[in-house]
């Protein structure tokens, strides 16, 4: 039976209605279902879901509290839920609020560099919007390799430090980040905003770290979705659309990385 996870809160802020209206001008397909054909979340999780079987044990590293369940787009919410498709989803996070995440079958707090998992005990490690917050990426990749079974997969989505969002995040003082992110992403709660350090946030760095950790020839590439960050103004969004259509690969906003333990 398919598991349906309910959430009490789905954002309907006036700012979100403005974002959807602006988005529809440039990406008319978003008027059907609420998402564009460039939606990074849907593209990333389609790849992740293709690697799962009913016997898979998944680790969601940096799982958080399950804030994506507040997404107003139902299809984008549902494609991220894995508990009804696999044997187990184990969430690991330093934030105790992750204990309340309803998309996990088990939560394990992270209070040391070593993950609370046995060697070769899982089939897939998911790191979604986490790598940019990790001060020691070598330790992350080493632990992912340790807990994965041979043939298991590491799946990463992270911010590209050379995109204008990554550059701005590094140039603007940390004390202003909350205010700016709330304007750019009005559906994002304050407790879901964390400091970013960008220690491993280029295509080349990710390939190097993954290869050194035993992930063979990792598949690492960039993606530029619709400019949702710039929907606060028509002129800004128009510039973002132009950037999306001409940006060279090294300067696109998001990096997808997939590695298989050899």
Foldseek 3Di string as FASTA:
>chain_A
DDDDDADPAADDDPLVVLLQVLVCVVAVCCVPQNFHPQDPLVVQLVVVVVQAAQAFEEEEEQQALLLLNNYNRVVSSVSPQCPRGYPFYEYEECDPNNCNRPSGPYYDYDDDLADPAAFQAGQEYEYEQNPQADPDVLSVLLNVLGRHHAFGKYKYKHWACQAPVNVCLVVDDPVCVQVLQCLLPVSDDSVNDDRGDRPQRFQVSVQVSNVVNQQPGKDKWAGAGQRSSQSSDSVSSVVSVVCNVDPDGRHHTMMIIMTGHD
